[in-house]
């Protein structure tokens, strides 16, 4: 018995740490998130001391594709004071200048994307919906000075709010006018249209000299445009995209690959393939291309019917509240996947009744909200019950790993309470198939009356009432195991992970 004490102490210690994460951390949007290794971007993922590029990730071999937005941060203690005037750090993309603006964290930020892909994505939305893959509005490189900053070395920019003369979608890039000149109808602080950068940092508004972000010549216009996505031409993919920070004493550099995501980088994960009656159907999907926004968890929703497969970006917010769902911004992207560089990914379908009997049922959780239709099937405001809506949410910003369950472990689907043994549920994400089988076991306990000559002892009984939250405990143990697995997985791939 004594030899088991250290193990028990270790388990209790781990459990207490994990409970602390659950109870005291800010509630997150996913069951694994509170226990995942915390990755500090500039210090523990980047290969450079001062240059962070959001798509630099050895797990994904530095690939990015389609309309993914890439964040670049210069975190340099030599130029990080908010009350000190500095020259802008020189950062380039394939030799072309990437304009950097200082934000209130002291770092210098910029965002970029492929021009054609940004326009294709934006064109999937009605003009100025501010939903789905809306990039905002576009200005030509020549007229981008209307924002108060010169972007002449780009192919153009996407601004977050309305600018006079700006364009939408695949229209020719607009000739934009500055915000605060006489006769122009722009309104500073107008409606936010950009929906692919949702948690940008705030520009430093108190530097010496009064230039917003330390670089603006027109603070009102720059504030109205921010966050700005700078656009470049990577259409000759596969293409190496080189980001360099020209720091005194040595150039810091990151090479990305702009191309369709290889099928080998896309994975489906589940904690087990056999589930009992009433179990949550928890699954994880690894797909870097679904990580559109580097600043916030991305949400994707599918209509999973094999006869009517649909896919939507940000139907729901990271908190499970309807975003595009039920609005004109709920645009099906299934017909746009090829033009958006999806190849081995993007299509999720299910077969909920392979044996002709019901196995799973849909339910509300913290990442998707719906209701029952007249046939008792779960639906959303825009996706019918027959289409089988399923939502996956990124477990942390900018990780490319998505799950179908929330912070409480409640999944989009659960096994029905009276599911028959050996029945199954099937799902397929393009080339990846996933199945679960219902399994449960029974046991027989036989009790007999003691024989007359059997010696017995009086037994004192003490009843202890204890009602643990079995769902929480089971999910906690699962989360610990998955966290340790991911920690080993990431460190094996070369990440320097802070726990």
Foldseek 3Di string as FASTA:
>chain_A
DVVCVVVVVVVVVVLVVLVCLLPPPDFFLAALQSLAFDADFQPFQDPDNFKGKLQRHLLQPQEEFFQAKIKIKGDDPVQQDLAEADDWWFKDKVNFTFGWFAFPRSITMAIAGAPLRLLQQQVLFDPLPLDFSNQAWKAAQVQPCLLQARNVRFRTKHFFYDFPQTHTRPDPGGRGHHADDPPTDHDQPDDGRGNLADDDGHWSQNYPVRATSSGGPDNRSNNRRPPMYTHHHPPVPQDWIKMWTPDPPDIDIDIHTYAQRDPVSKDKDFPDQEDAAFAAGKIKIFDLHQQRHQNWKWKKKWLAAPVDIWITTCCDDSQAHGDCFLHSRGGTCPVPCVVSRHDQFDTKHKDQFPPNDGWKAFDDARNHDFDADPVRATDHNHGDSNSPMFMWIGSTRSDRMTMQHTNLRHGRMTTHNPGDFQTKMWMDGRPDIGMHGYDDDDDDDDDDDDDPPDDDDDDDDDDDDDDDPVSNVVSSVVSVVVSVVVVVVSVVSPTPTHD
